[in-house]
C-alpha atoms as a PDB file:
ATOM      1  CA  MET A   1       9.870   7.386 -18.607  1.00  0.00           C
ATOM      2  CA  SER A   2       9.816   4.511 -21.053  1.00  0.00           C
ATOM      3  CA  THR A   3       7.150   4.084 -23.718  1.00  0.00           C
ATOM      4  CA  ARG A   4       5.784   1.061 -21.849  1.00  0.00           C
ATOM      5  CA  TYR A   5       5.059   3.035 -18.694  1.00  0.00           C
ATOM      6  CA  ARG A   6       3.717   6.042 -20.583  1.00  0.00           C
ATOM      7  CA  LEU A   7       1.309   3.653 -22.339  1.00  0.00           C
ATOM      8  CA  ILE A   8       0.142   2.189 -19.024  1.00  0.00           C
ATOM      9  CA  GLU A   9      -0.445   5.694 -17.659  1.00  0.00           C
ATOM     10  CA  LEU A  10      -2.499   6.625 -20.739  1.00  0.00           C
ATOM     11  CA  LEU A  11      -4.721   3.614 -19.987  1.00  0.00           C
ATOM     12  CA  ALA A  12      -4.786   4.040 -16.178  1.00  0.00           C
ATOM     13  CA  ASP A  13      -8.212   5.732 -16.114  1.00  0.00           C
ATOM     14  CA  GLY A  14      -9.928   2.639 -17.559  1.00  0.00           C
ATOM     15  CA  GLN A  15     -11.321   4.468 -20.616  1.00  0.00           C
ATOM     16  CA  PHE A  16     -11.087   2.967 -24.106  1.00  0.00           C
ATOM     17  CA  ARG A  17      -8.274   4.387 -26.233  1.00  0.00           C
ATOM     18  CA  SER A  18      -7.776   3.467 -29.869  1.00  0.00           C
ATOM     19  CA  GLY A  19      -4.466   1.976 -30.948  1.00  0.00           C
ATOM     20  CA  GLU A  20      -4.141   4.823 -33.429  1.00  0.00           C
ATOM     21  CA  TRP A  21      -4.619   7.486 -30.720  1.00  0.00           C
ATOM     22  CA  LEU A  22      -2.200   5.722 -28.356  1.00  0.00           C
ATOM     23  CA  GLY A  23       0.370   5.433 -31.128  1.00  0.00           C
ATOM     24  CA  ARG A  24       0.113   9.160 -31.918  1.00  0.00           C
ATOM     25  CA  GLN A  25       0.545  10.077 -28.237  1.00  0.00           C
ATOM     26  CA  LEU A  26       3.667   7.941 -27.976  1.00  0.00           C
ATOM     27  CA  GLY A  27       5.134   8.417 -31.449  1.00  0.00           C
ATOM     28  CA  ILE A  28       4.900   4.709 -32.277  1.00  0.00           C
ATOM     29  CA  SER A  29       2.894   2.587 -34.713  1.00  0.00           C
ATOM     30  CA  ARG A  30      -0.387   0.793 -33.916  1.00  0.00           C
ATOM     31  CA  ALA A  31       1.519  -2.479 -34.339  1.00  0.00           C
ATOM     32  CA  ALA A  32       4.013  -1.360 -31.673  1.00  0.00           C
ATOM     33  CA  VAL A  33       1.088  -0.500 -29.365  1.00  0.00           C
ATOM     34  CA  TRP A  34      -0.306  -4.014 -29.903  1.00  0.00           C
ATOM     35  CA  LYS A  35       3.092  -5.583 -29.073  1.00  0.00           C
ATOM     36  CA  HIS A  36       3.210  -3.647 -25.796  1.00  0.00           C
ATOM     37  CA  MET A  37      -0.287  -4.855 -24.940  1.00  0.00           C
ATOM     38  CA  ARG A  38       0.861  -8.466 -25.276  1.00  0.00           C
ATOM     39  CA  VAL A  39       3.665  -7.865 -22.744  1.00  0.00           C
ATOM     40  CA  PHE A  40       1.360  -6.315 -20.141  1.00  0.00           C
ATOM     41  CA  SER A  41      -0.012  -9.691 -19.082  1.00  0.00           C
ATOM     42  CA  ASP A  42       3.451 -10.390 -17.606  1.00  0.00           C
ATOM     43  CA  PHE A  43       2.783  -7.431 -15.287  1.00  0.00           C
ATOM     44  CA  GLY A  44      -0.577  -8.850 -14.284  1.00  0.00           C
ATOM     45  CA  LEU A  45      -2.504  -6.142 -16.134  1.00  0.00           C
ATOM     46  CA  ASP A  46      -5.844  -7.174 -17.596  1.00  0.00           C
ATOM     47  CA  ILE A  47      -6.187  -5.347 -20.920  1.00  0.00           C
ATOM     48  CA  HIS A  48      -9.458  -5.437 -22.820  1.00  0.00           C
ATOM     49  CA  ALA A  49      -9.180  -5.075 -26.581  1.00  0.00           C
ATOM     50  CA  VAL A  50     -12.469  -4.366 -28.376  1.00  0.00           C
ATOM     51  CA  PRO A  51     -12.515  -3.923 -32.172  1.00  0.00           C
ATOM     52  CA  GLY A  52     -13.710  -0.427 -33.065  1.00  0.00           C
ATOM     53  CA  GLN A  53     -13.207   0.882 -29.506  1.00  0.00           C
ATOM     54  CA  GLY A  54      -9.589   0.155 -28.700  1.00  0.00           C
ATOM     55  CA  TYR A  55      -7.844  -0.880 -25.508  1.00  0.00           C
ATOM     56  CA  ARG A  56      -8.607  -0.268 -21.859  1.00  0.00           C
ATOM     57  CA  LEU A  57      -7.502  -1.497 -18.469  1.00  0.00           C
ATOM     58  CA  PHE A  58     -10.144  -3.684 -16.858  1.00  0.00           C
ATOM     59  CA  THR A  59      -9.247  -2.222 -13.456  1.00  0.00           C
ATOM     60  CA  PRO A  60      -8.310   1.494 -13.510  1.00  0.00           C
ATOM     61  CA  PHE A  61      -5.756   2.810 -11.010  1.00  0.00           C
ATOM     62  CA  GLN A  62      -4.073   6.036  -9.902  1.00  0.00           C
ATOM     63  CA  PRO A  63      -0.380   5.930 -10.886  1.00  0.00           C
ATOM     64  CA  LEU A  64       2.020   6.642  -8.033  1.00  0.00           C
ATOM     65  CA  SER A  65       3.407  10.158  -7.785  1.00  0.00           C
ATOM     66  CA  ALA A  66       5.862  11.584  -5.273  1.00  0.00           C
ATOM     67  CA  ASP A  67       3.886  14.850  -5.209  1.00  0.00           C
ATOM     68  CA  LEU A  68       0.608  13.055  -4.440  1.00  0.00           C
ATOM     69  CA  ILE A  69       2.279  11.056  -1.671  1.00  0.00           C
ATOM     70  CA  ARG A  70       4.028  14.044  -0.083  1.00  0.00           C
ATOM     71  CA  SER A  71       1.106  16.501  -0.297  1.00  0.00           C
ATOM     72  CA  PRO A  72      -0.922  15.190   2.692  1.00  0.00           C
ATOM     73  CA  LEU A  73       2.166  14.795   4.926  1.00  0.00           C
ATOM     74  CA  SER A  74       2.556  17.302   7.725  1.00  0.00           C
ATOM     75  CA  ALA A  75       5.533  19.643   7.534  1.00  0.00           C
ATOM     76  CA  SER A  76       7.286  17.840  10.409  1.00  0.00           C
ATOM     77  CA  VAL A  77       6.895  14.409   8.796  1.00  0.00           C
ATOM     78  CA  SER A  78       7.887  15.691   5.362  1.00  0.00           C
ATOM     79  CA  SER A  79      11.023  17.359   6.744  1.00  0.00           C
ATOM     80  CA  ARG A  80      12.170  14.054   8.301  1.00  0.00           C
ATOM     81  CA  LEU A  81      11.779  12.140   5.025  1.00  0.00           C
ATOM     82  CA  ASP A  82      15.130  12.613   3.308  1.00  0.00           C
ATOM     83  CA  SER A  83      14.149  10.879   0.079  1.00  0.00           C
ATOM     84  CA  LEU A  84      11.055   9.422  -1.513  1.00  0.00           C
ATOM     85  CA  GLU A  85      11.696   7.420  -4.645  1.00  0.00           C
ATOM     86  CA  VAL A  86       8.796   6.396  -6.839  1.00  0.00           C
ATOM     87  CA  LEU A  87       9.692   3.621  -9.255  1.00  0.00           C
ATOM     88  CA  ARG A  88       7.648   1.912 -11.925  1.00  0.00           C
ATOM     89  CA  GLU A  89       9.377  -1.452 -11.642  1.00  0.00           C
ATOM     90  CA  ILE A  90      11.949  -2.883  -9.245  1.00  0.00           C
ATOM     91  CA  ASP A  91      13.195  -6.256  -8.102  1.00  0.00           C
ATOM     92  CA  SER A  92      12.490  -5.425  -4.443  1.00  0.00           C
ATOM     93  CA  THR A  93      11.991  -2.076  -2.728  1.00  0.00           C
ATOM     94  CA  SER A  94      13.842  -3.242   0.382  1.00  0.00           C
ATOM     95  CA  GLU A  95      16.771  -4.626  -1.619  1.00  0.00           C
ATOM     96  CA  TYR A  96      16.939  -1.351  -3.550  1.00  0.00           C
ATOM     97  CA  LEU A  97      17.221   0.636  -0.314  1.00  0.00           C
ATOM     98  CA  LYS A  98      19.969  -1.707   0.907  1.00  0.00           C
ATOM     99  CA  ARG A  99      21.905  -1.322  -2.359  1.00  0.00           C
ATOM    100  CA  THR A 100      21.726   2.489  -2.278  1.00  0.00           C
ATOM    101  CA  ARG A 101      22.295   3.149   1.437  1.00  0.00           C
ATOM    102  CA  SER A 102      25.905   4.324   0.980  1.00  0.00           C
ATOM    103  CA  GLN A 103      24.642   7.205  -1.200  1.00  0.00           C
ATOM    104  CA  HIS A 104      22.741   8.779   1.721  1.00  0.00           C
ATOM    105  CA  LYS A 105      23.654  10.208   5.092  1.00  0.00           C
ATOM    106  CA  ALA A 106      23.369   7.779   7.997  1.00  0.00           C
ATOM    107  CA  SER A 107      20.561   9.657   9.750  1.00  0.00           C
ATOM    108  CA  ALA A 108      18.360   9.796   6.641  1.00  0.00           C
ATOM    109  CA  ILE A 109      14.866   8.342   6.536  1.00  0.00           C
ATOM    110  CA  ARG A 110      14.327   7.017   3.035  1.00  0.00           C
ATOM    111  CA  ALA A 111      11.232   5.622   1.364  1.00  0.00           C
ATOM    112  CA  CYS A 112      10.906   3.646  -1.821  1.00  0.00           C
ATOM    113  CA  VAL A 113       7.557   2.867  -3.457  1.00  0.00           C
ATOM    114  CA  ALA A 114       6.955   0.980  -6.676  1.00  0.00           C
ATOM    115  CA  GLU A 115       4.108   0.123  -9.021  1.00  0.00           C
ATOM    116  CA  TRP A 116       5.417  -3.427  -9.460  1.00  0.00           C
ATOM    117  CA  GLN A 117       8.182  -5.548  -8.005  1.00  0.00           C
ATOM    118  CA  SER A 118       9.407  -8.776  -9.513  1.00  0.00           C
ATOM    119  CA  SER A 119      11.246 -10.347  -6.578  1.00  0.00           C
ATOM    120  CA  GLY A 120       9.488  -9.219  -3.451  1.00  0.00           C
ATOM    121  CA  ARG A 121       9.466 -11.398  -0.354  1.00  0.00           C
ATOM    122  CA  GLY A 122       6.509 -12.088   1.826  1.00  0.00           C
ATOM    123  CA  ARG A 123       6.344 -13.742   5.195  1.00  0.00           C
ATOM    124  CA  ARG A 124       8.839 -16.515   5.860  1.00  0.00           C
ATOM    125  CA  GLY A 125      10.859 -15.428   2.819  1.00  0.00           C
ATOM    126  CA  ARG A 126       8.266 -16.618   0.325  1.00  0.00           C
ATOM    127  CA  ARG A 127       8.330 -15.021  -3.127  1.00  0.00           C
ATOM    128  CA  TRP A 128       5.654 -12.354  -3.472  1.00  0.00           C
ATOM    129  CA  VAL A 129       4.532 -10.813  -6.753  1.00  0.00           C
ATOM    130  CA  SER A 130       1.241  -9.112  -7.571  1.00  0.00           C
ATOM    131  CA  PRO A 131      -0.140  -7.171 -10.543  1.00  0.00           C
ATOM    132  CA  TYR A 132       1.163  -3.782 -11.643  1.00  0.00           C
ATOM    133  CA  GLY A 133      -0.651  -0.852 -10.071  1.00  0.00           C
ATOM    134  CA  THR A 134      -2.694  -3.057  -7.740  1.00  0.00           C
ATOM    135  CA  ASN A 135      -0.846  -2.923  -4.429  1.00  0.00           C
ATOM    136  CA  LEU A 136       1.534  -0.565  -2.727  1.00  0.00           C
ATOM    137  CA  TYR A 137       5.098  -1.805  -2.556  1.00  0.00           C
ATOM    138  CA  LEU A 138       6.731   0.292   0.132  1.00  0.00           C
ATOM    139  CA  SER A 139       9.938   0.030   2.087  1.00  0.00           C
ATOM    140  CA  LEU A 140      11.383   2.474   4.588  1.00  0.00           C
ATOM    141  CA  ALA A 141      15.019   2.646   5.643  1.00  0.00           C
ATOM    142  CA  MET A 142      16.614   4.359   8.602  1.00  0.00           C
ATOM    143  CA  GLN A 143      19.796   3.600  10.475  1.00  0.00           C
ATOM    144  CA  LEU A 144      19.328   3.366  14.206  1.00  0.00           C
ATOM    145  CA  SER A 145      22.080   4.327  16.574  1.00  0.00           C
ATOM    146  CA  LYS A 146      22.849   2.182  19.600  1.00  0.00           C
ATOM    147  CA  ALA A 147      21.637   5.033  21.817  1.00  0.00           C
ATOM    148  CA  SER A 148      18.211   5.010  20.155  1.00  0.00           C
ATOM    149  CA  LEU A 149      17.827   1.281  20.860  1.00  0.00           C
ATOM    150  CA  ARG A 150      18.169   1.712  24.633  1.00  0.00           C
END
């Protein structure tokens, strides 16, 4: 996982963390931490910086985890899900599944979830982007046979 995403996960609980502490956790300088913070606005993250206290996310969130998603699934549902990919950033979860379909067996049910997507499409093909860690970007893929459509 990249430094950027590790930094976001260190801030995900909404607690203040000093730039010095964050830098030590990531093996980077306080200045490098500050540079990452400036980029986070592009992701739609609202970072509060308070002198003497550090940085925190205004709105805490639970980072996505394949284990946390799979754990409440029943055994029968889990066995039918061939793959579950959890991504931090993607252009579009549905486009990703289309691009990777040849790597999976035809009968597979595949799921892709992401913390943030940059080129999602909403209704009527409109561009759809929302802040990192705020919504669930989920696409499912499954090939249907002609027999199953009857």
